[in-house]
């Protein structure tokens, strides 16, 4: 065995194992909830870094969500252990209680869906921006009547509002 391997073993036995015991990693691991995973997700398990007890990344196509579990609230302002994902459906971070595994799984899925839909929504917004007010009104009325009211009305209100307040792609 080389000196590098022996040095790593010494670090493992002298530093890592005492840290794992001090932080109760085995106890925490055995009581963690199972997070529901969709069949089309790719999940990469990562080592615990930056104070998190657990970390993983979820991908589907080009969409990506980073997830970590912070038992000791080293990374955020909570009083109890929590999960955090980034980005959430709004492009921010979202936190979930330790045992909120179903909500965590649903939020990961919603983030992936939002990321996958973003290019379509951006293209739609560019098309809406190019419409006359009369054309926008016709499309909005059609969607409000035909596409699952009242949800469609709310969605299209948001898209139309954003489309008329933001400049078109490529515009100065």
C-alpha atoms as a PDB file:
ATOM      1  CA  UNK A   1       0.000   0.000   0.000  1.00  0.00           C
ATOM      2  CA  UNK A   2       1.213   3.480  -0.884  1.00  0.00           C
ATOM      3  CA  UNK A   3       1.570   6.327   1.578  1.00  0.00           C
ATOM      4  CA  UNK A   4      -1.395   8.135  -0.020  1.00  0.00           C
ATOM      5  CA  UNK A   5      -3.709   5.210   0.714  1.00  0.00           C
ATOM      6  CA  UNK A   6      -2.441   4.925   4.280  1.00  0.00           C
ATOM      7  CA  UNK A   7      -2.913   8.679   4.786  1.00  0.00           C
ATOM      8  CA  UNK A   8      -6.516   8.447   3.538  1.00  0.00           C
ATOM      9  CA  UNK A   9      -7.216   5.499   5.835  1.00  0.00           C
ATOM     10  CA  UNK A  10      -5.851   7.485   8.775  1.00  0.00           C
ATOM     11  CA  UNK A  11      -8.082  10.448   7.881  1.00  0.00           C
ATOM     12  CA  UNK A  12     -11.043   8.084   7.540  1.00  0.00           C
ATOM     13  CA  UNK A  13     -10.533   6.462  10.946  1.00  0.00           C
ATOM     14  CA  UNK A  14      -9.344   9.561  12.797  1.00  0.00           C
ATOM     15  CA  UNK A  15     -11.731  12.162  11.352  1.00  0.00           C
ATOM     16  CA  UNK A  16     -14.558  10.791   9.248  1.00  0.00           C
ATOM     17  CA  UNK A  17     -15.887   8.050  11.517  1.00  0.00           C
ATOM     18  CA  UNK A  18     -15.937  10.312  14.618  1.00  0.00           C
ATOM     19  CA  UNK A  19     -17.776  12.973  12.598  1.00  0.00           C
ATOM     20  CA  UNK A  20     -20.346  10.450  11.368  1.00  0.00           C
ATOM     21  CA  UNK A  21     -20.928   9.262  14.925  1.00  0.00           C
ATOM     22  CA  UNK A  22     -21.115  12.790  16.336  1.00  0.00           C
ATOM     23  CA  UNK A  23     -23.685  13.775  13.721  1.00  0.00           C
ATOM     24  CA  UNK A  24     -25.655  10.493  14.046  1.00  0.00           C
ATOM     25  CA  UNK A  25     -25.495   9.715  10.304  1.00  0.00           C
ATOM     26  CA  UNK A  26     -26.564   6.084  10.749  1.00  0.00           C
ATOM     27  CA  UNK A  27     -29.521   7.035  12.950  1.00  0.00           C
ATOM     28  CA  UNK A  28     -30.590   9.761  10.538  1.00  0.00           C
ATOM     29  CA  UNK A  29     -30.202   7.468   7.513  1.00  0.00           C
ATOM     30  CA  UNK A  30     -32.364   4.754   9.047  1.00  0.00           C
ATOM     31  CA  UNK A  31     -35.174   7.195   9.827  1.00  0.00           C
ATOM     32  CA  UNK A  32     -35.167   9.175   6.552  1.00  0.00           C
ATOM     33  CA  UNK A  33     -38.363   8.935   4.507  1.00  0.00           C
ATOM     34  CA  UNK A  34     -38.323   7.379   1.059  1.00  0.00           C
ATOM     35  CA  UNK A  35     -38.598  10.066  -1.614  1.00  0.00           C
ATOM     36  CA  UNK A  36     -40.886   9.018  -4.468  1.00  0.00           C
ATOM     37  CA  UNK A  37     -38.919   8.864  -7.722  1.00  0.00           C
ATOM     38  CA  UNK A  38     -40.573   8.998 -11.148  1.00  0.00           C
ATOM     39  CA  UNK A  39     -39.501   6.405 -13.710  1.00  0.00           C
ATOM     40  CA  UNK A  40     -38.165   8.982 -16.166  1.00  0.00           C
ATOM     41  CA  UNK A  41     -35.862  10.716 -13.677  1.00  0.00           C
ATOM     42  CA  UNK A  42     -32.130  10.187 -13.658  1.00  0.00           C
ATOM     43  CA  UNK A  43     -30.815  10.530 -10.107  1.00  0.00           C
ATOM     44  CA  UNK A  44     -27.181  11.128  -9.203  1.00  0.00           C
ATOM     45  CA  UNK A  45     -26.299  10.586  -5.552  1.00  0.00           C
ATOM     46  CA  UNK A  46     -23.651  13.012  -4.290  1.00  0.00           C
ATOM     47  CA  UNK A  47     -21.500  13.021  -1.186  1.00  0.00           C
ATOM     48  CA  UNK A  48     -22.596  15.162   1.736  1.00  0.00           C
ATOM     49  CA  UNK A  49     -20.897  18.524   1.263  1.00  0.00           C
ATOM     50  CA  UNK A  50     -21.211  22.055   2.636  1.00  0.00           C
ATOM     51  CA  UNK A  51     -22.904  20.818   5.810  1.00  0.00           C
ATOM     52  CA  UNK A  52     -25.717  18.879   4.138  1.00  0.00           C
ATOM     53  CA  UNK A  53     -26.301  15.313   5.314  1.00  0.00           C
ATOM     54  CA  UNK A  54     -27.555  14.116   1.907  1.00  0.00           C
ATOM     55  CA  UNK A  55     -27.371  15.479  -1.636  1.00  0.00           C
ATOM     56  CA  UNK A  56     -28.597  14.372  -5.017  1.00  0.00           C
ATOM     57  CA  UNK A  57     -29.353  15.758  -8.462  1.00  0.00           C
ATOM     58  CA  UNK A  58     -32.378  14.857 -10.561  1.00  0.00           C
ATOM     59  CA  UNK A  59     -32.351  15.189 -14.343  1.00  0.00           C
ATOM     60  CA  UNK A  60     -34.801  14.607 -17.131  1.00  0.00           C
ATOM     61  CA  UNK A  61     -33.588  15.648 -20.547  1.00  0.00           C
ATOM     62  CA  UNK A  62     -31.948  19.035 -20.048  1.00  0.00           C
ATOM     63  CA  UNK A  63     -33.984  19.866 -16.919  1.00  0.00           C
ATOM     64  CA  UNK A  64     -32.091  19.602 -13.625  1.00  0.00           C
ATOM     65  CA  UNK A  65     -32.960  19.952  -9.916  1.00  0.00           C
ATOM     66  CA  UNK A  66     -30.463  20.000  -7.075  1.00  0.00           C
ATOM     67  CA  UNK A  67     -31.678  18.543  -3.758  1.00  0.00           C
ATOM     68  CA  UNK A  68     -30.100  18.429  -0.328  1.00  0.00           C
ATOM     69  CA  UNK A  69     -31.084  17.536   3.216  1.00  0.00           C
ATOM     70  CA  UNK A  70     -29.845  19.776   6.045  1.00  0.00           C
ATOM     71  CA  UNK A  71     -30.391  18.048   9.385  1.00  0.00           C
ATOM     72  CA  UNK A  72     -28.600  20.665  11.469  1.00  0.00           C
ATOM     73  CA  UNK A  73     -29.859  23.817   9.693  1.00  0.00           C
ATOM     74  CA  UNK A  74     -26.354  24.903   8.783  1.00  0.00           C
ATOM     75  CA  UNK A  75     -27.395  26.190   5.384  1.00  0.00           C
ATOM     76  CA  UNK A  76     -30.677  27.931   6.109  1.00  0.00           C
ATOM     77  CA  UNK A  77     -32.782  29.666   8.693  1.00  0.00           C
ATOM     78  CA  UNK A  78     -34.928  26.843  10.020  1.00  0.00           C
ATOM     79  CA  UNK A  79     -35.144  25.281  13.439  1.00  0.00           C
ATOM     80  CA  UNK A  80     -35.490  21.691  12.228  1.00  0.00           C
ATOM     81  CA  UNK A  81     -34.104  19.474   9.489  1.00  0.00           C
ATOM     82  CA  UNK A  82     -35.337  20.256   5.998  1.00  0.00           C
ATOM     83  CA  UNK A  83     -35.008  19.413   2.306  1.00  0.00           C
ATOM     84  CA  UNK A  84     -34.197  22.139  -0.194  1.00  0.00           C
ATOM     85  CA  UNK A  85     -34.542  22.046  -3.958  1.00  0.00           C
ATOM     86  CA  UNK A  86     -33.172  24.442  -6.537  1.00  0.00           C
ATOM     87  CA  UNK A  87     -34.650  25.567  -8.767  1.00  0.00           C
ATOM     88  CA  UNK A  88     -38.267  25.201  -7.761  1.00  0.00           C
ATOM     89  CA  UNK A  89     -41.165  25.779 -10.172  1.00  0.00           C
ATOM     90  CA  UNK A  90     -40.568  29.562  -9.972  1.00  0.00           C
ATOM     91  CA  UNK A  91     -36.798  29.359 -10.454  1.00  0.00           C
ATOM     92  CA  UNK A  92     -36.079  29.929  -6.759  1.00  0.00           C
ATOM     93  CA  UNK A  93     -35.289  27.600  -3.845  1.00  0.00           C
ATOM     94  CA  UNK A  94     -38.018  25.750  -1.963  1.00  0.00           C
ATOM     95  CA  UNK A  95     -37.814  24.019   1.407  1.00  0.00           C
ATOM     96  CA  UNK A  96     -39.758  21.081   2.782  1.00  0.00           C
ATOM     97  CA  UNK A  97     -39.944  19.508   6.209  1.00  0.00           C
ATOM     98  CA  UNK A  98     -37.953  16.382   6.893  1.00  0.00           C
ATOM     99  CA  UNK A  99     -40.923  14.041   6.515  1.00  0.00           C
ATOM    100  CA  UNK A 100     -42.567  15.857   3.570  1.00  0.00           C
ATOM    101  CA  UNK A 101     -41.221  13.360   1.034  1.00  0.00           C
ATOM    102  CA  UNK A 102     -44.353  13.337  -1.152  1.00  0.00           C
ATOM    103  CA  UNK A 103     -44.379  17.134  -1.366  1.00  0.00           C
ATOM    104  CA  UNK A 104     -40.643  17.086  -2.118  1.00  0.00           C
ATOM    105  CA  UNK A 105     -41.137  14.576  -4.937  1.00  0.00           C
ATOM    106  CA  UNK A 106     -44.030  16.586  -6.382  1.00  0.00           C
ATOM    107  CA  UNK A 107     -41.998  19.818  -6.252  1.00  0.00           C
ATOM    108  CA  UNK A 108     -39.071  18.166  -8.044  1.00  0.00           C
ATOM    109  CA  UNK A 109     -41.454  16.987 -10.775  1.00  0.00           C
ATOM    110  CA  UNK A 110     -43.061  20.450 -11.084  1.00  0.00           C
ATOM    111  CA  UNK A 111     -39.619  22.051 -11.410  1.00  0.00           C
ATOM    112  CA  UNK A 112     -38.649  19.630 -14.171  1.00  0.00           C
ATOM    113  CA  UNK A 113     -41.941  20.286 -15.997  1.00  0.00           C
ATOM    114  CA  UNK A 114     -41.495  24.064 -15.677  1.00  0.00           C
ATOM    115  CA  UNK A 115     -37.952  23.878 -17.048  1.00  0.00           C
ATOM    116  CA  UNK A 116     -39.089  21.675 -19.945  1.00  0.00           C
ATOM    117  CA  UNK A 117     -41.967  24.060 -20.737  1.00  0.00           C
ATOM    118  CA  UNK A 118     -39.905  27.260 -20.518  1.00  0.00           C
ATOM    119  CA  UNK A 119     -38.823  27.316 -24.191  1.00  0.00           C
ATOM    120  CA  UNK A 120     -42.430  26.765 -25.305  1.00  0.00           C
ATOM    121  CA  UNK A 121     -43.742  29.491 -23.009  1.00  0.00           C
ATOM    122  CA  UNK A 122     -40.994  31.867 -24.185  1.00  0.00           C
ATOM    123  CA  UNK A 123     -41.894  31.191 -27.834  1.00  0.00           C
ATOM    124  CA  UNK A 124     -45.587  31.676 -27.044  1.00  0.00           C
ATOM    125  CA  UNK A 125     -44.841  34.959 -25.299  1.00  0.00           C
ATOM    126  CA  UNK A 126     -42.873  36.176 -28.324  1.00  0.00           C
ATOM    127  CA  UNK A 127     -45.847  35.319 -30.573  1.00  0.00           C
ATOM    128  CA  UNK A 128     -48.260  37.108 -28.240  1.00  0.00           C
ATOM    129  CA  UNK A 129     -46.035  40.187 -28.142  1.00  0.00           C
ATOM    130  CA  UNK A 130     -46.183  40.336 -31.941  1.00  0.00           C
ATOM    131  CA  UNK A 131     -50.017  40.283 -31.959  1.00  0.00           C
ATOM    132  CA  UNK A 132     -52.232  43.313 -32.134  1.00  0.00           C
ATOM    133  CA  UNK A 133     -54.435  43.963 -29.088  1.00  0.00           C
ATOM    134  CA  UNK A 134     -57.421  42.691 -31.097  1.00  0.00           C
ATOM    135  CA  UNK A 135     -55.623  39.426 -31.946  1.00  0.00           C
ATOM    136  CA  UNK A 136     -54.572  38.954 -28.312  1.00  0.00           C
ATOM    137  CA  UNK A 137     -58.176  39.459 -27.202  1.00  0.00           C
ATOM    138  CA  UNK A 138     -59.435  36.814 -29.633  1.00  0.00           C
ATOM    139  CA  UNK A 139     -56.831  34.270 -28.519  1.00  0.00           C
ATOM    140  CA  UNK A 140     -57.502  34.992 -24.852  1.00  0.00           C
ATOM    141  CA  UNK A 141     -61.276  34.615 -25.288  1.00  0.00           C
ATOM    142  CA  UNK A 142     -60.803  31.372 -27.231  1.00  0.00           C
ATOM    143  CA  UNK A 143     -58.539  29.910 -24.555  1.00  0.00           C
ATOM    144  CA  UNK A 144     -60.822  30.997 -21.722  1.00  0.00           C
ATOM    145  CA  UNK A 145     -63.812  29.272 -23.371  1.00  0.00           C
ATOM    146  CA  UNK A 146     -62.213  26.173 -24.865  1.00  0.00           C
ATOM    147  CA  UNK A 147     -59.190  25.275 -22.725  1.00  0.00           C
ATOM    148  CA  UNK A 148     -60.369  24.075 -19.285  1.00  0.00           C
ATOM    149  CA  UNK A 149     -61.815  27.221 -17.692  1.00  0.00           C
ATOM    150  CA  UNK A 150     -61.083  28.681 -15.149  1.00  0.00           C
ATOM    151  CA  UNK A 151     -57.529  27.313 -15.027  1.00  0.00           C
ATOM    152  CA  UNK A 152     -56.772  28.305 -18.614  1.00  0.00           C
ATOM    153  CA  UNK A 153     -57.939  31.842 -17.942  1.00  0.00           C
ATOM    154  CA  UNK A 154     -55.514  32.184 -15.025  1.00  0.00           C
ATOM    155  CA  UNK A 155     -52.621  30.668 -16.977  1.00  0.00           C
ATOM    156  CA  UNK A 156     -53.242  32.816 -20.012  1.00  0.00           C
ATOM    157  CA  UNK A 157     -53.770  35.922 -17.881  1.00  0.00           C
ATOM    158  CA  UNK A 158     -50.285  35.359 -16.471  1.00  0.00           C
ATOM    159  CA  UNK A 159     -48.753  34.691 -19.895  1.00  0.00           C
ATOM    160  CA  UNK A 160     -50.497  37.635 -21.544  1.00  0.00           C
ATOM    161  CA  UNK A 161     -49.591  39.965 -18.682  1.00  0.00           C
ATOM    162  CA  UNK A 162     -45.942  38.889 -18.895  1.00  0.00           C
ATOM    163  CA  UNK A 163     -45.946  39.093 -22.692  1.00  0.00           C
ATOM    164  CA  UNK A 164     -47.145  42.675 -22.816  1.00  0.00           C
ATOM    165  CA  UNK A 165     -44.813  43.884 -20.047  1.00  0.00           C
ATOM    166  CA  UNK A 166     -41.566  42.212 -21.204  1.00  0.00           C
ATOM    167  CA  UNK A 167     -39.737  43.073 -24.437  1.00  0.00           C
ATOM    168  CA  UNK A 168     -39.736  40.444 -27.184  1.00  0.00           C
ATOM    169  CA  UNK A 169     -36.722  38.159 -27.474  1.00  0.00           C
ATOM    170  CA  UNK A 170     -33.938  39.937 -29.338  1.00  0.00           C
ATOM    171  CA  UNK A 171     -35.563  43.356 -28.834  1.00  0.00           C
ATOM    172  CA  UNK A 172     -33.479  46.119 -27.303  1.00  0.00           C
END
